[in-house]
């Protein structure tokens, strides 16, 4: 008997001052909507390597992982099927922002005026902002 298992994805949250890096999706689902950079983990790849790869492929930026934000596993978060996303806060090392791979565009957006977002990325961003405020208040 074959068991169904969820797919594993990663997303990267990159802040620059009071802005966040988003990509415009080139393909369905949510074609032409904005999202966090990310994608599917390849077989044999760690989630840490996957998020670094996906952010660079979709935005042109090389990054390092700052810390794990969380795991998002609502079975209805992706219309293609049950996906579990492991989300990391990443920091920019180098590169120039440009859309690539599955992204038609990549750009920083002000946190106070975000576009409509795909998947559950509005929830993820709210969690990331809350975490950012907690870290700043601990300093």
N, C-alpha and C. Protein backbone atom coordinates (compact mmCIF):
# COMPACT_ATOMS: atom_id res chain seq x y z
N UNK A 1 0.84 -1.18 0.00
CA UNK A 1 0.00 0.00 0.00
C UNK A 1 0.88 1.24 0.00
N UNK A 2 0.64 2.15 -0.93
CA UNK A 2 1.41 3.39 -1.02
C UNK A 2 0.78 4.45 -0.12
N UNK A 3 1.62 5.13 0.59
CA UNK A 3 1.16 6.20 1.48
C UNK A 3 1.36 7.54 0.80
N UNK A 4 0.39 8.42 1.01
CA UNK A 4 0.55 9.78 0.52
C UNK A 4 1.35 10.55 1.56
N UNK A 5 2.29 11.35 1.10
CA UNK A 5 3.06 12.18 2.01
C UNK A 5 3.05 13.62 1.49
N UNK A 6 3.14 14.58 2.39
CA UNK A 6 3.19 15.97 1.94
C UNK A 6 4.53 16.29 1.29
N UNK A 7 4.53 17.30 0.45
CA UNK A 7 5.76 17.81 -0.14
C UNK A 7 6.39 18.80 0.83
N UNK A 8 7.70 18.95 0.75
CA UNK A 8 8.40 19.89 1.62
C UNK A 8 8.91 21.05 0.79
N UNK A 9 8.61 22.25 1.27
CA UNK A 9 9.08 23.47 0.62
C UNK A 9 9.82 24.33 1.64
N UNK A 10 10.49 25.35 1.14
CA UNK A 10 11.16 26.32 2.00
C UNK A 10 10.80 27.71 1.51
N UNK A 11 10.85 28.67 2.41
CA UNK A 11 10.67 30.08 2.07
C UNK A 11 11.70 30.88 2.83
N UNK A 12 12.18 31.96 2.22
CA UNK A 12 13.16 32.84 2.84
C UNK A 12 12.57 34.21 3.09
N UNK A 13 12.75 34.71 4.30
CA UNK A 13 12.31 36.05 4.67
C UNK A 13 13.55 36.92 4.80
N UNK A 14 13.62 37.95 3.96
CA UNK A 14 14.76 38.85 3.98
C UNK A 14 14.27 40.28 4.17
N UNK A 15 14.63 40.87 5.30
CA UNK A 15 14.27 42.25 5.59
C UNK A 15 15.41 43.18 5.18
N UNK A 16 15.04 44.37 4.73
CA UNK A 16 16.00 45.47 4.53
C UNK A 16 15.33 46.70 5.13
N UNK A 17 15.80 47.10 6.31
CA UNK A 17 15.18 48.19 7.05
C UNK A 17 13.69 47.86 7.25
N UNK A 18 12.79 48.69 6.73
CA UNK A 18 11.36 48.43 6.90
C UNK A 18 10.73 47.89 5.62
N UNK A 19 11.52 47.12 4.87
CA UNK A 19 11.04 46.48 3.65
C UNK A 19 11.31 44.99 3.71
N UNK A 20 10.60 44.25 2.83
CA UNK A 20 10.79 42.80 2.75
C UNK A 20 10.91 42.41 1.27
N UNK A 21 11.74 41.41 1.02
CA UNK A 21 11.98 40.94 -0.34
C UNK A 21 10.86 39.99 -0.77
N UNK A 22 10.24 40.30 -1.92
CA UNK A 22 9.20 39.45 -2.49
C UNK A 22 9.51 39.17 -3.95
N UNK A 23 8.92 38.10 -4.45
CA UNK A 23 9.03 37.77 -5.87
C UNK A 23 7.63 37.73 -6.48
N UNK A 24 7.54 38.06 -7.76
CA UNK A 24 6.28 37.93 -8.49
C UNK A 24 6.31 36.58 -9.18
N UNK A 25 5.32 35.74 -8.90
CA UNK A 25 5.30 34.37 -9.42
C UNK A 25 5.08 34.35 -10.93
N UNK A 26 5.90 33.56 -11.60
CA UNK A 26 5.83 33.44 -13.06
C UNK A 26 4.84 32.35 -13.48
N UNK A 27 4.59 31.38 -12.58
CA UNK A 27 3.79 30.21 -12.94
C UNK A 27 2.64 30.01 -11.95
N UNK A 28 1.61 29.24 -12.39
CA UNK A 28 0.55 28.86 -11.46
C UNK A 28 1.11 27.95 -10.37
N UNK A 29 0.50 27.83 -9.22
CA UNK A 29 -0.66 28.62 -8.83
C UNK A 29 -0.24 30.05 -8.44
N UNK A 30 -1.20 30.92 -8.42
CA UNK A 30 -0.99 32.32 -8.03
C UNK A 30 -0.08 33.07 -8.99
N UNK A 31 -0.15 32.71 -10.28
CA UNK A 31 0.65 33.39 -11.30
C UNK A 31 0.41 34.91 -11.21
N UNK A 32 1.50 35.68 -11.29
CA UNK A 32 1.50 37.14 -11.25
C UNK A 32 1.17 37.72 -9.87
N UNK A 33 1.11 36.89 -8.85
CA UNK A 33 0.95 37.39 -7.48
C UNK A 33 2.31 37.39 -6.80
N UNK A 34 2.42 38.15 -5.74
CA UNK A 34 3.67 38.26 -5.00
C UNK A 34 3.75 37.19 -3.91
N UNK A 35 4.99 36.78 -3.62
CA UNK A 35 5.24 35.73 -2.63
C UNK A 35 6.65 35.91 -2.05
N UNK A 36 6.89 35.21 -0.98
CA UNK A 36 8.26 35.10 -0.47
C UNK A 36 9.05 34.22 -1.43
N UNK A 37 10.34 34.47 -1.59
CA UNK A 37 11.13 33.56 -2.43
C UNK A 37 11.23 32.18 -1.76
N UNK A 38 11.08 31.15 -2.55
CA UNK A 38 11.15 29.80 -2.01
C UNK A 38 10.74 28.78 -3.03
N UNK A 39 10.68 27.53 -2.59
CA UNK A 39 10.29 26.47 -3.50
C UNK A 39 10.48 25.10 -2.88
N UNK A 40 10.41 24.10 -3.71
CA UNK A 40 10.47 22.71 -3.26
C UNK A 40 11.90 22.30 -2.92
N UNK A 41 12.01 21.50 -1.88
CA UNK A 41 13.28 20.90 -1.49
C UNK A 41 13.52 19.72 -2.44
N UNK A 42 14.72 19.67 -3.01
CA UNK A 42 15.06 18.57 -3.91
C UNK A 42 15.47 17.34 -3.11
N UNK A 43 15.26 16.17 -3.67
CA UNK A 43 15.62 14.93 -3.01
C UNK A 43 17.12 14.93 -2.70
N UNK A 44 17.49 14.63 -1.47
CA UNK A 44 18.89 14.61 -1.06
C UNK A 44 19.43 15.96 -0.62
N UNK A 45 18.60 16.99 -0.63
CA UNK A 45 19.02 18.35 -0.28
C UNK A 45 18.52 18.70 1.12
N UNK A 46 19.33 19.40 1.89
CA UNK A 46 18.86 19.88 3.19
C UNK A 46 17.94 21.08 2.97
N UNK A 47 17.09 21.33 3.95
CA UNK A 47 16.22 22.51 3.84
C UNK A 47 17.05 23.79 3.88
N UNK A 48 18.15 23.77 4.62
CA UNK A 48 19.02 24.94 4.70
C UNK A 48 19.63 25.26 3.33
N UNK A 49 20.13 24.24 2.65
CA UNK A 49 20.69 24.44 1.31
C UNK A 49 19.59 24.84 0.32
N UNK A 50 18.41 24.27 0.49
CA UNK A 50 17.31 24.57 -0.42
C UNK A 50 16.90 26.04 -0.35
N UNK A 51 16.81 26.60 0.85
CA UNK A 51 16.38 28.00 0.96
C UNK A 51 17.44 28.93 0.38
N UNK A 52 18.71 28.64 0.61
CA UNK A 52 19.78 29.46 0.04
C UNK A 52 19.73 29.39 -1.49
N UNK A 53 19.54 28.19 -2.03
CA UNK A 53 19.46 27.99 -3.48
C UNK A 53 18.25 28.71 -4.06
N UNK A 54 17.09 28.51 -3.46
CA UNK A 54 15.86 29.11 -3.98
C UNK A 54 15.90 30.64 -3.95
N UNK A 55 16.39 31.21 -2.87
CA UNK A 55 16.47 32.68 -2.79
C UNK A 55 17.38 33.20 -3.90
N UNK A 56 18.53 32.55 -4.09
CA UNK A 56 19.44 33.01 -5.14
C UNK A 56 18.85 32.83 -6.53
N UNK A 57 18.23 31.68 -6.79
CA UNK A 57 17.64 31.44 -8.12
C UNK A 57 16.55 32.45 -8.44
N UNK A 58 15.73 32.79 -7.46
CA UNK A 58 14.57 33.64 -7.73
C UNK A 58 14.84 35.14 -7.59
N UNK A 59 15.90 35.52 -6.86
CA UNK A 59 16.13 36.94 -6.60
C UNK A 59 17.51 37.44 -7.01
N UNK A 60 18.44 36.54 -7.31
CA UNK A 60 19.80 36.95 -7.64
C UNK A 60 20.67 37.24 -6.43
N UNK A 61 20.12 37.10 -5.21
CA UNK A 61 20.88 37.43 -4.00
C UNK A 61 21.45 36.18 -3.33
N UNK A 62 22.72 36.26 -2.96
CA UNK A 62 23.32 35.22 -2.13
C UNK A 62 23.06 35.60 -0.68
N UNK A 63 22.63 34.62 0.11
CA UNK A 63 22.23 34.88 1.49
C UNK A 63 22.84 33.86 2.44
N UNK A 64 22.75 34.20 3.71
CA UNK A 64 23.06 33.25 4.77
C UNK A 64 21.82 33.15 5.66
N UNK A 65 21.70 32.05 6.34
CA UNK A 65 20.56 31.87 7.24
C UNK A 65 20.87 32.52 8.58
N UNK A 66 19.93 33.33 9.04
CA UNK A 66 20.04 33.93 10.37
C UNK A 66 19.46 32.97 11.40
N UNK A 67 18.20 32.55 11.16
CA UNK A 67 17.56 31.58 12.06
C UNK A 67 16.28 31.03 11.45
N UNK A 68 15.79 29.99 12.05
CA UNK A 68 14.52 29.37 11.66
C UNK A 68 13.38 30.22 12.18
N UNK A 69 12.45 30.59 11.32
CA UNK A 69 11.26 31.31 11.76
C UNK A 69 10.19 30.33 12.23
N UNK A 70 9.90 29.31 11.41
CA UNK A 70 8.86 28.38 11.79
C UNK A 70 8.53 27.38 10.69
N UNK A 71 7.59 26.52 11.00
CA UNK A 71 7.12 25.50 10.08
C UNK A 71 5.63 25.73 9.87
N UNK A 72 5.22 25.77 8.61
CA UNK A 72 3.83 26.07 8.24
C UNK A 72 3.28 24.85 7.50
N UNK A 73 2.25 24.23 8.09
CA UNK A 73 1.85 22.91 7.61
C UNK A 73 0.35 22.75 7.36
N UNK A 74 -0.40 23.83 7.31
CA UNK A 74 -1.83 23.71 7.04
C UNK A 74 -2.01 22.97 5.71
N UNK A 75 -2.73 21.84 5.70
CA UNK A 75 -2.88 21.06 4.47
C UNK A 75 -3.49 21.83 3.30
N UNK A 76 -4.18 22.94 3.56
CA UNK A 76 -4.81 23.69 2.47
C UNK A 76 -4.01 24.93 2.07
N UNK A 77 -2.76 25.06 2.51
CA UNK A 77 -1.98 26.27 2.24
C UNK A 77 -1.56 26.37 0.77
N UNK A 78 -1.56 25.25 0.04
CA UNK A 78 -1.13 25.23 -1.36
C UNK A 78 -2.16 24.46 -2.17
N UNK A 79 -2.74 25.08 -3.20
CA UNK A 79 -3.77 24.39 -3.99
C UNK A 79 -3.26 23.17 -4.76
N UNK A 80 -1.95 23.01 -4.89
CA UNK A 80 -1.39 21.84 -5.59
C UNK A 80 -1.42 20.59 -4.72
N UNK A 81 -1.62 20.77 -3.41
CA UNK A 81 -1.63 19.64 -2.50
C UNK A 81 -0.97 20.00 -1.19
N UNK A 82 -0.93 19.06 -0.29
CA UNK A 82 -0.40 19.29 1.05
C UNK A 82 1.11 19.55 0.98
N UNK A 83 1.51 20.76 1.35
CA UNK A 83 2.93 21.10 1.42
C UNK A 83 3.23 21.63 2.81
N UNK A 84 4.39 21.31 3.28
CA UNK A 84 4.89 21.82 4.55
C UNK A 84 6.06 22.75 4.22
N UNK A 85 5.96 23.99 4.65
CA UNK A 85 7.04 24.94 4.38
C UNK A 85 7.84 25.21 5.64
N UNK A 86 9.15 25.10 5.50
CA UNK A 86 10.08 25.44 6.56
C UNK A 86 10.62 26.82 6.19
N UNK A 87 10.40 27.78 7.08
CA UNK A 87 10.69 29.18 6.75
C UNK A 87 11.87 29.68 7.58
N UNK A 88 12.83 30.28 6.87
CA UNK A 88 14.03 30.82 7.49
C UNK A 88 14.10 32.33 7.31
N UNK A 89 14.62 33.01 8.31
CA UNK A 89 15.02 34.41 8.17
C UNK A 89 16.43 34.36 7.57
N UNK A 90 16.63 35.07 6.48
CA UNK A 90 17.94 35.08 5.81
C UNK A 90 18.48 36.50 5.76
N UNK A 91 19.80 36.58 5.62
CA UNK A 91 20.48 37.87 5.52
C UNK A 91 21.25 37.92 4.21
N UNK A 92 21.22 39.08 3.59
CA UNK A 92 21.88 39.29 2.30
C UNK A 92 23.39 39.31 2.46
N UNK A 93 24.08 38.56 1.60
CA UNK A 93 25.54 38.60 1.53
C UNK A 93 25.97 39.50 0.38
N UNK A 94 25.47 39.17 -0.82
CA UNK A 94 25.82 39.98 -1.99
C UNK A 94 24.86 39.65 -3.13
N UNK A 95 24.97 40.45 -4.17
CA UNK A 95 24.13 40.25 -5.35
C UNK A 95 23.26 41.45 -5.63
N UNK A 96 22.67 41.43 -6.81
CA UNK A 96 21.76 42.48 -7.26
C UNK A 96 20.39 41.86 -7.43
N UNK A 97 19.37 42.50 -6.88
CA UNK A 97 18.01 41.97 -6.94
C UNK A 97 17.52 41.93 -8.38
N UNK A 98 17.15 40.73 -8.83
CA UNK A 98 16.55 40.55 -10.15
C UNK A 98 15.77 39.25 -10.17
N UNK A 99 14.62 39.28 -10.78
CA UNK A 99 13.78 38.09 -10.87
C UNK A 99 14.43 37.04 -11.75
N UNK A 100 14.31 35.77 -11.35
CA UNK A 100 14.85 34.68 -12.15
C UNK A 100 14.15 33.38 -11.81
N UNK A 101 14.38 32.35 -12.60
CA UNK A 101 13.79 31.03 -12.40
C UNK A 101 12.27 31.13 -12.42
N UNK A 102 11.60 30.86 -11.30
CA UNK A 102 10.14 30.90 -11.23
C UNK A 102 9.58 32.29 -10.93
N UNK A 103 10.44 33.29 -10.89
CA UNK A 103 10.02 34.65 -10.55
C UNK A 103 10.18 35.58 -11.76
N UNK A 104 9.11 36.27 -12.12
CA UNK A 104 9.21 37.24 -13.21
C UNK A 104 9.81 38.55 -12.72
N UNK A 105 9.68 38.82 -11.40
CA UNK A 105 10.26 40.02 -10.79
C UNK A 105 10.67 39.69 -9.37
N UNK A 106 11.59 40.49 -8.85
CA UNK A 106 11.96 40.43 -7.44
C UNK A 106 12.18 41.87 -7.00
N UNK A 107 11.66 42.22 -5.83
CA UNK A 107 11.79 43.59 -5.36
C UNK A 107 11.52 43.66 -3.86
N UNK A 108 12.09 44.69 -3.24
CA UNK A 108 11.78 44.97 -1.84
C UNK A 108 10.49 45.79 -1.79
N UNK A 109 9.62 45.44 -0.84
CA UNK A 109 8.34 46.13 -0.66
C UNK A 109 8.25 46.67 0.75
N UNK A 110 7.72 47.90 0.92
CA UNK A 110 7.55 48.45 2.26
C UNK A 110 6.57 47.59 3.07
N UNK A 111 6.93 47.33 4.31
CA UNK A 111 6.08 46.49 5.17
C UNK A 111 4.71 47.12 5.40
N UNK A 112 4.61 48.44 5.32
CA UNK A 112 3.33 49.12 5.58
C UNK A 112 2.39 49.11 4.38
N UNK A 113 2.85 48.65 3.21
CA UNK A 113 1.97 48.63 2.03
C UNK A 113 2.30 47.43 1.14
N UNK A 114 2.10 46.24 1.68
CA UNK A 114 2.39 45.02 0.92
C UNK A 114 1.30 44.73 -0.10
N UNK A 115 1.67 44.15 -1.24
CA UNK A 115 0.66 43.74 -2.22
C UNK A 115 -0.10 42.51 -1.70
N UNK A 116 -1.14 42.11 -2.41
CA UNK A 116 -1.81 40.85 -2.08
C UNK A 116 -0.80 39.73 -2.27
N UNK A 117 -0.78 38.81 -1.30
CA UNK A 117 0.22 37.75 -1.29
C UNK A 117 -0.40 36.39 -1.54
N UNK A 118 0.40 35.49 -2.12
CA UNK A 118 -0.06 34.13 -2.40
C UNK A 118 0.18 33.22 -1.20
N UNK A 119 -0.37 32.01 -1.30
CA UNK A 119 -0.25 30.99 -0.27
C UNK A 119 -0.67 31.59 1.10
N UNK A 120 0.07 31.27 2.15
CA UNK A 120 -0.19 31.84 3.48
C UNK A 120 0.92 32.82 3.86
N UNK A 121 1.49 33.47 2.85
CA UNK A 121 2.66 34.31 3.09
C UNK A 121 2.34 35.57 3.90
N UNK A 122 1.08 36.01 3.91
CA UNK A 122 0.73 37.13 4.79
C UNK A 122 0.89 36.72 6.26
N UNK A 123 0.49 35.52 6.61
CA UNK A 123 0.65 35.02 7.98
C UNK A 123 2.14 34.88 8.32
N UNK A 124 2.90 34.32 7.39
CA UNK A 124 4.34 34.13 7.62
C UNK A 124 5.02 35.48 7.86
N UNK A 125 4.68 36.47 7.04
CA UNK A 125 5.30 37.79 7.18
C UNK A 125 4.90 38.43 8.51
N UNK A 126 3.64 38.29 8.91
CA UNK A 126 3.22 38.82 10.22
C UNK A 126 4.02 38.16 11.35
N UNK A 127 4.23 36.86 11.25
CA UNK A 127 5.03 36.15 12.26
C UNK A 127 6.48 36.66 12.25
N UNK A 128 7.02 36.90 11.05
CA UNK A 128 8.40 37.37 10.93
C UNK A 128 8.56 38.77 11.51
N UNK A 129 7.57 39.63 11.26
CA UNK A 129 7.62 40.99 11.82
C UNK A 129 7.55 40.93 13.34
N UNK A 130 6.67 40.10 13.86
CA UNK A 130 6.55 39.94 15.32
C UNK A 130 7.87 39.44 15.91
N UNK A 131 8.50 38.47 15.24
CA UNK A 131 9.79 37.93 15.70
C UNK A 131 10.88 39.01 15.65
N UNK A 132 10.86 39.82 14.57
CA UNK A 132 11.84 40.89 14.43
C UNK A 132 11.70 41.89 15.58
N UNK A 133 10.47 42.25 15.92
CA UNK A 133 10.23 43.18 17.02
C UNK A 133 10.68 42.59 18.35
N UNK A 134 10.44 41.29 18.55
CA UNK A 134 10.88 40.62 19.78
C UNK A 134 12.40 40.65 19.91
N UNK A 135 13.10 40.40 18.80
CA UNK A 135 14.57 40.39 18.81
C UNK A 135 15.09 41.79 19.13
N UNK A 136 14.49 42.82 18.50
CA UNK A 136 14.93 44.18 18.73
C UNK A 136 14.70 44.62 20.18
N UNK A 137 13.59 44.17 20.76
CA UNK A 137 13.29 44.57 22.14
C UNK A 137 14.20 43.87 23.14
N UNK A 138 14.80 42.74 22.75
CA UNK A 138 15.72 42.01 23.63
C UNK A 138 17.11 42.64 23.64
N UNK A 139 17.38 43.51 22.68
CA UNK A 139 18.71 44.11 22.57
C UNK A 139 18.91 45.24 23.57
